[in-house]
Protein backbone atom coordinates (compact mmCIF):
# COMPACT_ATOMS: atom_id res chain seq x y z
CA MET A 1 -13.94 -43.85 1.82
CA THR A 2 -15.66 -40.78 0.41
CA ILE A 3 -13.87 -37.46 -0.09
CA LEU A 4 -15.82 -35.95 2.82
CA GLN A 5 -14.66 -38.74 5.12
CA TRP A 6 -11.09 -38.28 3.87
CA ILE A 7 -11.11 -34.52 4.54
CA ALA A 8 -12.81 -34.98 7.92
CA GLY A 9 -10.32 -37.64 9.03
CA PRO A 10 -6.71 -37.47 10.28
CA THR A 11 -5.42 -37.42 6.70
CA GLY A 12 -7.48 -34.33 5.98
CA GLN A 13 -6.07 -32.65 9.08
CA THR A 14 -2.53 -33.47 7.95
CA PHE A 15 -3.27 -32.11 4.46
CA ALA A 16 -4.75 -28.89 5.90
CA SER A 17 -1.77 -28.41 8.22
CA ALA A 18 0.63 -28.97 5.31
CA CYS A 19 -1.18 -26.23 3.33
CA VAL A 20 -1.05 -23.86 6.30
CA LEU A 21 2.66 -24.65 6.80
CA THR A 22 3.36 -23.80 3.15
CA ILE A 23 1.58 -20.44 3.47
CA LEU A 24 3.36 -19.71 6.77
CA VAL A 25 6.80 -20.51 5.35
CA LEU A 26 6.16 -18.11 2.43
CA THR A 27 4.95 -15.43 4.87
CA LEU A 28 7.99 -16.02 7.08
CA PHE A 29 10.34 -15.66 4.11
CA MET A 30 8.66 -12.37 3.18
CA SER A 31 8.90 -11.18 6.80
CA ILE A 32 12.63 -11.90 6.95
CA ARG A 33 13.19 -9.92 3.76
CA LEU A 34 11.16 -7.04 5.23
CA TYR A 35 13.18 -7.19 8.44
CA LYS A 36 16.42 -6.87 6.46
CA SER A 37 15.08 -4.13 4.17
CA TYR A 38 13.42 -1.87 6.74
CA ARG A 39 16.38 -1.33 9.09
CA ARG A 40 15.48 -4.29 11.28
CA ASN A 41 12.12 -2.92 12.34
CA LYS A 42 10.86 -4.30 15.68
CA THR A 43 7.41 -5.03 14.23
CA HIS A 44 8.91 -7.19 11.49
CA ARG A 45 11.09 -8.98 14.04
CA LEU A 46 8.03 -9.72 16.16
CA LEU A 47 6.26 -11.03 13.04
CA ILE A 48 9.17 -13.42 12.40
CA VAL A 49 8.95 -14.69 16.00
CA VAL A 50 5.18 -15.22 15.95
CA LEU A 51 5.26 -16.94 12.55
CA SER A 52 7.95 -19.29 13.85
CA ILE A 53 5.67 -20.09 16.81
CA VAL A 54 2.71 -20.76 14.50
CA ILE A 55 4.88 -23.01 12.29
CA LEU A 56 5.90 -25.03 15.37
CA GLN A 57 2.26 -25.08 16.42
CA GLN A 58 1.17 -26.48 13.04
CA ALA A 59 3.94 -29.06 13.22
CA ALA A 60 2.57 -30.07 16.64
CA LEU A 61 -0.91 -30.32 15.10
CA VAL A 62 0.44 -32.71 12.46
CA SER A 63 2.03 -34.81 15.20
CA LEU A 64 -1.34 -34.97 16.99
CA ALA A 65 -2.64 -36.99 14.05
CA PHE A 66 -0.51 -39.92 15.24
CA PRO A 67 -2.38 -42.20 17.69
CA GLY A 68 0.23 -42.17 20.48
CA LEU A 69 0.82 -38.44 20.53
CA SER A 70 -2.82 -37.46 20.00
CA GLN A 71 -3.63 -38.64 23.55
CA SER A 72 -0.89 -36.56 25.20
CA PRO A 73 -2.60 -33.95 27.45
CA TYR A 74 0.56 -31.80 27.65
CA LEU A 75 0.93 -31.63 23.87
CA ASN A 76 -2.76 -30.78 23.41
CA LEU A 77 -2.68 -28.12 26.15
CA SER A 78 0.50 -26.60 24.69
CA TYR A 79 -1.17 -26.46 21.29
CA SER A 80 -4.22 -24.66 22.72
CA VAL A 81 -2.11 -22.11 24.61
CA THR A 82 0.24 -21.36 21.70
CA SER A 83 -2.77 -21.04 19.36
CA LEU A 84 -4.24 -18.25 21.48
CA LEU A 85 -0.87 -16.64 22.16
CA SER A 86 0.08 -16.57 18.47
CA PHE A 87 -3.40 -15.24 17.57
CA ILE A 88 -2.94 -12.30 19.98
CA ILE A 89 0.58 -11.46 18.80
CA ILE A 90 -0.10 -11.87 15.08
CA ASN A 91 -3.09 -9.52 15.30
CA PHE A 92 -1.00 -6.97 17.18
CA VAL A 93 1.63 -7.12 14.41
CA PHE A 94 -0.84 -6.74 11.54
CA MET A 95 -2.73 -3.94 13.28
CA LYS A 96 0.65 -2.25 13.85
CA LEU A 97 1.52 -2.55 10.15
CA TYR A 98 -1.80 -1.19 8.95
CA THR A 99 -2.45 1.44 11.62
CA GLN A 100 -2.59 4.97 10.19
CA PRO A 101 0.21 7.30 11.35
CA SER A 102 -2.33 9.59 13.04
CA THR A 103 -3.63 6.70 15.20
CA ARG A 104 -0.94 5.27 17.42
CA LEU A 105 -1.55 1.62 18.31
CA LYS A 106 -1.08 0.86 22.00
CA GLY A 107 0.44 -2.45 23.04
CA MET A 108 -1.06 -2.50 26.55
CA PRO A 109 -4.44 -4.06 25.56
CA PHE A 110 -2.59 -6.93 23.83
CA LEU A 111 -0.31 -7.38 26.85
CA LEU A 112 -3.41 -7.61 29.04
CA MET A 113 -4.78 -10.27 26.65
CA VAL A 114 -1.58 -12.31 27.13
CA ILE A 115 -1.80 -11.90 30.92
CA GLY A 116 -5.45 -12.92 30.71
CA LEU A 117 -4.43 -16.03 28.75
CA VAL A 118 -2.00 -17.03 31.50
CA GLY A 119 -4.74 -16.47 34.10
CA ILE A 120 -7.37 -18.41 32.12
CA THR A 121 -4.95 -21.32 31.58
CA ALA A 122 -4.17 -21.44 35.32
CA LEU A 123 -7.92 -21.26 36.10
CA GLN A 124 -8.63 -24.08 33.63
CA ILE A 125 -6.02 -26.31 35.29
CA ALA A 126 -7.30 -25.36 38.78
CA LEU A 127 -10.92 -26.19 37.87
CA ASP A 128 -10.01 -29.40 36.07
CA PRO A 129 -6.74 -30.87 37.46
CA ASP A 130 -7.33 -34.08 35.49
CA ILE A 131 -6.70 -32.15 32.26
CA LEU A 132 -2.96 -32.85 32.69
CA THR A 133 -3.26 -36.50 33.69
CA HIS A 134 -6.06 -38.10 31.66
CA PRO A 135 -5.37 -39.10 28.03
CA VAL A 136 -7.20 -36.97 25.48
CA GLY A 137 -10.10 -38.65 23.69
CA ALA A 138 -11.02 -38.54 20.01
CA GLU A 139 -13.02 -35.34 20.49
CA GLY A 140 -9.89 -33.48 21.57
CA LEU A 141 -8.90 -31.52 24.68
CA SER A 142 -11.82 -30.24 26.71
CA ALA A 143 -10.80 -26.74 27.86
CA LEU A 144 -14.00 -24.70 27.76
CA ALA A 145 -12.61 -21.66 29.60
CA MET A 146 -9.70 -21.31 27.16
CA ASP A 147 -11.87 -21.90 24.11
CA PHE A 148 -14.39 -19.31 25.27
CA TYR A 149 -11.55 -16.86 26.00
CA GLY A 150 -10.39 -17.27 22.39
CA LEU A 151 -13.83 -16.18 21.16
CA VAL A 152 -13.79 -13.15 23.48
CA ILE A 153 -10.34 -12.04 22.23
CA ASN A 154 -11.42 -12.30 18.59
CA PHE A 155 -14.61 -10.34 19.28
CA ILE A 156 -12.72 -7.57 21.13
CA ILE A 157 -10.20 -7.16 18.29
CA LEU A 158 -12.97 -7.20 15.69
CA LEU A 159 -14.73 -4.32 17.45
CA ASN A 160 -11.59 -2.18 17.69
CA LEU A 161 -10.34 -1.65 14.14
CA ARG A 162 -10.37 2.16 14.15
CA GLY A 163 -7.47 3.63 12.23
CA ILE A 164 -6.76 0.41 10.29
CA ASP A 165 -6.10 1.07 6.58
CA GLN A 166 -7.26 -2.34 5.35
CA ARG A 167 -10.28 -2.55 7.66
CA PHE A 168 -12.46 -4.69 5.34
CA SER A 169 -9.75 -7.21 4.37
CA TYR A 170 -8.49 -7.45 7.92
CA SER A 171 -12.04 -7.84 9.27
CA ALA A 172 -12.62 -10.66 6.77
CA SER A 173 -9.66 -12.60 8.21
CA LEU A 174 -10.97 -12.16 11.76
CA ILE A 175 -14.48 -13.25 10.75
CA VAL A 176 -13.07 -16.35 9.07
CA TYR A 177 -11.14 -17.20 12.23
CA PHE A 178 -14.25 -16.52 14.37
CA ILE A 179 -16.27 -19.00 12.26
CA TYR A 180 -13.41 -21.49 12.64
CA GLN A 181 -13.54 -21.09 16.44
CA LEU A 182 -17.33 -21.56 16.51
CA SER A 183 -17.21 -24.67 14.31
CA ASP A 184 -14.40 -26.12 16.45
CA LEU A 185 -16.38 -25.45 19.65
CA ALA A 186 -19.56 -26.96 18.20
CA ASP A 187 -17.64 -30.03 17.03
CA SER A 188 -15.88 -30.50 20.39
CA TYR A 189 -18.71 -29.84 22.86
CA VAL A 190 -21.95 -30.52 20.96
CA PHE A 191 -21.43 -33.03 18.14
CA HIS A 192 -18.20 -34.70 19.40
CA GLY A 193 -16.88 -35.32 15.90
CA SER A 194 -20.10 -36.81 14.55
CA GLU A 195 -20.82 -33.95 12.12
CA PRO A 196 -18.35 -34.18 9.16
CA MET A 197 -19.03 -30.64 7.87
CA LEU A 198 -17.98 -29.07 11.18
CA VAL A 199 -14.78 -31.12 11.17
CA ILE A 200 -14.09 -30.08 7.57
CA LEU A 201 -14.62 -26.41 8.48
CA SER A 202 -12.20 -26.71 11.41
CA HIS A 203 -9.65 -28.24 9.01
CA LEU A 204 -10.03 -25.87 6.04
CA LEU A 205 -10.82 -22.45 7.58
CA PRO A 206 -7.29 -22.02 9.03
CA ILE A 207 -6.00 -22.31 5.44
CA VAL A 208 -8.29 -19.46 4.40
CA TYR A 209 -7.31 -17.41 7.47
CA TYR A 210 -3.56 -17.65 6.94
CA ALA A 211 -3.96 -17.15 3.19
CA LEU A 212 -5.77 -13.85 3.93
CA LEU A 213 -2.97 -12.81 6.28
CA PHE A 214 -0.41 -13.63 3.60
CA LEU A 215 -2.33 -11.51 1.08
CA LEU A 216 -2.55 -8.65 3.60
CA LEU A 217 1.22 -8.72 4.11
CA PHE A 218 1.82 -9.04 0.36
CA ASP A 219 -0.46 -6.06 -0.26
CA TRP A 220 1.46 -4.06 2.37
CA VAL A 221 4.74 -4.87 0.61
CA LEU A 222 3.30 -3.85 -2.78
CA GLU A 223 2.08 -0.53 -1.34
CA ARG A 224 5.56 0.23 0.02
CA LEU A 225 7.18 -0.69 -3.30
CA LEU A 226 4.79 1.61 -5.18
CA MET A 227 5.42 4.40 -2.68
CA THR A 228 9.18 3.97 -3.06
CA PHE A 229 8.91 4.02 -6.84
CA GLN A 230 6.59 7.03 -6.77
CA SER A 231 8.90 8.98 -4.49
CA SER A 232 11.83 8.27 -6.83
CA ILE A 233 10.12 9.87 -9.84
CA THR A 234 7.99 12.63 -8.30
CA ASP A 235 8.57 15.78 -6.29
CA GLY A 236 7.44 15.39 -2.68
CA LEU A 237 5.70 18.77 -2.40
CA THR A 238 3.92 19.17 -5.75
CA SER A 239 3.54 15.47 -6.75
CA LEU A 240 4.77 16.45 -10.23
CA TYR A 241 7.55 14.52 -11.96
CA ASN A 242 10.97 15.50 -10.67
CA ARG A 243 13.47 17.05 -13.07
CA ARG A 244 15.32 13.83 -13.88
CA HIS A 245 12.20 11.81 -14.62
CA PHE A 246 10.56 14.67 -16.52
CA ASN A 247 13.55 14.82 -18.88
CA LYS A 248 13.34 11.06 -19.35
CA LYS A 249 9.58 11.30 -20.00
CA ALA A 250 10.12 14.15 -22.48
CA GLU A 251 12.71 12.14 -24.44
CA GLN A 252 10.35 9.17 -24.52
CA MET A 253 7.42 11.25 -25.78
CA LEU A 254 9.66 12.92 -28.35
CA ARG A 255 10.60 9.50 -29.76
CA GLU A 256 6.99 8.35 -29.81
CA ALA A 257 5.18 11.52 -30.96
CA ARG A 258 8.14 13.03 -32.93
CA ARG A 259 6.95 16.44 -31.75
CA ILE A 260 6.65 17.93 -28.29
CA ALA A 261 6.24 21.40 -26.84
CA ILE A 262 7.57 22.57 -23.49
CA ILE A 263 5.76 25.17 -21.39
CA PHE A 264 8.24 26.65 -18.93
CA CYS A 265 6.54 28.43 -15.99
CA ASP A 266 8.11 30.57 -13.30
CA ILE A 267 6.07 32.06 -10.43
CA ASP A 268 6.49 35.83 -10.28
CA ASN A 269 7.86 37.38 -7.08
CA PHE A 270 7.96 34.01 -5.34
CA LYS A 271 10.89 34.91 -3.10
CA LYS A 272 9.02 37.97 -1.85
CA LEU A 273 5.99 35.79 -1.11
CA ASN A 274 8.23 33.38 0.78
CA ASP A 275 9.75 36.17 2.86
CA THR A 276 6.50 38.00 3.66
CA GLU A 277 3.95 35.17 3.93
CA GLY A 278 6.21 32.36 5.14
CA HIS A 279 7.29 28.98 3.76
CA HIS A 280 4.01 27.25 4.52
CA ARG A 281 1.96 29.79 2.59
CA ALA A 282 4.45 29.83 -0.31
CA ASP A 283 4.45 26.01 -0.48
CA GLY A 284 0.65 26.04 -0.66
CA VAL A 285 0.71 28.49 -3.57
CA LEU A 286 3.38 26.43 -5.34
CA LYS A 287 1.25 23.31 -5.01
CA GLN A 288 -1.83 25.20 -6.25
CA VAL A 289 0.00 26.34 -9.40
CA ALA A 290 1.40 22.82 -9.88
CA ASP A 291 -2.12 21.36 -9.71
CA ILE A 292 -3.30 23.78 -12.41
CA ILE A 293 -0.44 22.81 -14.74
CA LYS A 294 -1.07 19.13 -14.04
CA GLU A 295 -4.79 19.50 -14.83
CA GLU A 296 -4.19 21.40 -18.07
CA THR A 297 -1.62 18.89 -19.39
CA ALA A 298 -3.53 15.78 -18.30
CA GLY A 299 -4.21 13.56 -21.30
CA ILE A 300 -2.07 15.64 -23.68
CA GLY A 301 1.34 15.37 -22.04
CA ALA A 302 2.93 15.61 -18.58
CA ALA A 303 3.96 18.06 -15.86
CA GLY A 304 7.12 18.37 -13.79
CA ARG A 305 9.02 20.51 -11.32
CA TYR A 306 12.27 21.84 -12.76
CA GLY A 307 13.48 23.32 -9.49
CA GLY A 308 12.39 25.90 -6.91
CA GLU A 309 9.40 27.81 -8.28
CA GLU A 310 10.04 26.67 -11.88
CA LEU A 311 7.42 24.26 -13.21
CA LEU A 312 7.14 22.55 -16.59
CA GLY A 313 4.30 21.46 -18.81
CA LEU A 314 4.75 19.10 -21.73
CA VAL A 315 2.36 18.88 -24.69
CA ALA A 316 2.71 15.91 -27.03
CA ALA A 317 -0.81 15.54 -28.45
CA ALA A 318 -1.25 16.26 -32.15
CA GLY A 319 -3.51 19.19 -33.02
CA VAL A 320 -3.10 20.89 -29.63
CA LYS A 321 -1.57 24.35 -29.75
CA PRO A 322 0.85 24.69 -26.81
CA GLU A 323 0.54 28.50 -26.72
CA LYS A 324 -3.21 28.13 -26.04
CA VAL A 325 -2.50 25.64 -23.24
CA ALA A 326 0.11 28.05 -21.85
CA GLU A 327 -2.31 30.98 -21.96
CA THR A 328 -4.99 28.91 -20.19
CA ILE A 329 -2.49 28.04 -17.46
CA ARG A 330 -1.44 31.70 -17.08
CA SER A 331 -5.04 32.89 -16.96
CA ARG A 332 -6.12 30.28 -14.41
CA VAL A 333 -3.16 31.00 -12.13
CA GLU A 334 -3.96 34.72 -12.22
CA LYS A 335 -7.64 34.15 -11.42
CA GLU A 336 -7.39 31.25 -8.96
CA SER A 337 -4.30 32.13 -6.92
CA ILE A 338 -2.64 35.15 -5.33
CA VAL A 339 0.32 35.03 -7.76
CA THR A 340 1.01 35.35 -11.48
CA ILE A 341 3.42 33.38 -13.67
CA SER A 342 5.75 34.14 -16.54
CA ILE A 343 5.74 31.48 -19.27
CA GLY A 344 8.00 30.51 -22.14
CA VAL A 345 6.99 28.05 -24.87
CA SER A 346 9.17 26.11 -27.30
CA CYS A 347 8.48 23.32 -29.80
CA SER A 348 10.82 20.55 -30.88
CA ARG A 349 12.40 20.45 -34.34
CA ASP A 350 14.26 17.74 -36.22
CA GLY A 351 17.59 16.94 -34.60
CA VAL A 352 16.81 18.84 -31.39
CA SER A 353 16.79 16.92 -28.09
CA ALA A 354 14.14 17.30 -25.43
CA GLU A 355 16.70 18.89 -23.12
CA GLU A 356 17.38 21.56 -25.76
CA VAL A 357 13.65 22.27 -26.10
CA VAL A 358 13.46 22.78 -22.31
CA LYS A 359 16.41 25.16 -22.52
CA GLN A 360 14.74 27.17 -25.28
CA ALA A 361 11.47 27.37 -23.31
CA ASP A 362 13.53 28.61 -20.35
CA GLU A 363 14.99 31.35 -22.53
CA ALA A 364 11.52 32.37 -23.70
CA MET A 365 10.32 32.42 -20.09
CA TYR A 366 13.20 34.78 -19.22
CA VAL A 367 11.94 37.16 -21.90
CA SER A 368 8.49 37.12 -20.26
CA LYS A 369 10.07 37.69 -16.87
CA THR A 370 12.15 40.69 -17.99
CA SER A 371 9.47 42.35 -20.10
CA GLY A 372 6.64 42.79 -17.65
CA LYS A 373 5.91 39.31 -16.22
CA ASN A 374 2.53 37.53 -16.25
CA LYS A 375 2.72 36.79 -19.97
CA VAL A 376 3.39 33.98 -22.47
CA THR A 377 6.38 34.28 -24.82
CA LEU A 378 7.14 31.95 -27.72
CA HIS A 379 10.76 31.07 -28.41
CA ALA A 380 12.27 32.74 -31.49
CA SER A 381 12.61 29.38 -33.31
CA MET A 382 8.92 28.77 -32.77
CA LYS A 383 8.02 32.22 -34.14
CA ARG A 384 10.13 31.62 -37.26
CA SER A 385 8.48 28.27 -37.77
CA ARG A 386 5.02 29.86 -37.48
CA SER A 387 5.97 32.70 -39.89
CA ARG A 388 7.33 30.20 -42.41
CA SER A 389 4.14 28.12 -42.19
CA ALA A 390 2.01 31.24 -42.64
CA GLY A 391 4.07 32.26 -45.70
CA GLU A 392 3.67 28.81 -47.27
CA ASP A 393 -0.09 28.95 -46.70
CA SER A 394 -0.25 32.38 -48.39
CA GLN A 395 1.70 31.09 -51.41
CA GLN A 396 -0.67 28.12 -51.71
CA ASN A 397 -3.69 30.46 -51.60
CA ILE A 398 -2.18 32.69 -54.34
CA HIS A 399 -1.48 29.72 -56.65
CA ALA A 400 -4.94 28.39 -55.97
C-alpha cells in the first residue's frame, strides 16, 4: 500500500479526524477559559456549544470508518445535517468576535440559514424517501440538495465580510472550506471515490480549516491580552504612560543610563479652557500637546501623564541637552496649538532617585508658572551643576 492509498483510505480518514479532534479540543479549552474570563459572554458560550457539536460530529465521522456503521443512513444523514449546522453557527460566532464595534452583526441571516437547512433536509427526504432506508454505499450519502445548500451558505458568508477585522485570514478559512466542499462533491457525484487526490483533499482540508479557526481565536486572545496590558500601563486619553508606569520606566532608565532628565510640562490656563470651550475641546488640546511631547522624546526617552494637565518627558540619551528638547516642545505647543505650556527641567545626580528628579522638575515648572508662564526653567541643582562645569572648563583653558 502506497502512502497515497493509505491517506485516501479509511485509515487516512481516521487519522484526519483525530487531527481535527485534537485541534477542536484545544480550541474548546481556550473557549472555556474565555467564557470564564469575560464574564460568561454569550458569544463564548455559543462557541463552546458549537465546538462540542463539531467534536461529536468528528467522533461520528470516525465511527463511519467501521464497516457496519458506515452503511447506516441515519448516522450519515445526521453527520451531514450537523456539519452544515455547525458551519453556520461557528461562522456566526467568529464573525461576532471579529466584527468592528461600529458594525453590529445581525443574527437574523444566520437564523434564516438554519431554517433553510431544516427546509432543505425535509425537501431532500421528501424527494428521496429511500435515503433513510437504503444502506449507504462506499461513495457515501447521496444528498445533492443539502450538499449544494452547503456551497450556497459558504458563498453567501464569503461575500458578506464587511466590518470584519481579520477579513483576509477569515476569508482564507472560508475559501479552504469551499475547496473542501467542491472536492467532496466531485468525489461523491462525479468520480465516486476513484480519484485518490480528491479523497485526500476531502480528508486533509478540514484539518487546515479548523487549524485556521484555532489561529484566528488564538490571535483574538492575544489582541485582548495586549490591549489589557496596554491599558494597564498607559493613560486612556493621551496614550502616554500613566504615572505609575512612568515612574517605573524612569527608575529603569536611570539604572541603565545612570543619567536622566525630566521635563515637567503643565498646560497654562487649562481650567479656563475647560470651562469656556468644554471638556471635549480641552481633551483634544491635551492629546495634541501629549502627541508633541511623545514625538520629541521618541528614541531618546519616554513620555507620560502625571495627572490632569501635567505631562512628563524623559530624556535618557547621552549627548542630548534636555533644555533644548524642552524649548522645542514649548515652541511647538505655542505654534501648533491654542495653548502654551510652562516647563521645568531637572537632571539626575548621584544618589538621587527618579522620583526625586520628577519632584525637582515639578518645582522648576512652578517657577515658570508663577513668573510669566510659557517658559522653560531649569531646577536650581541643574543650574549649579552647569555653573560648576563652566568654571572647570574655564580653569582648564587658563592652565592650557
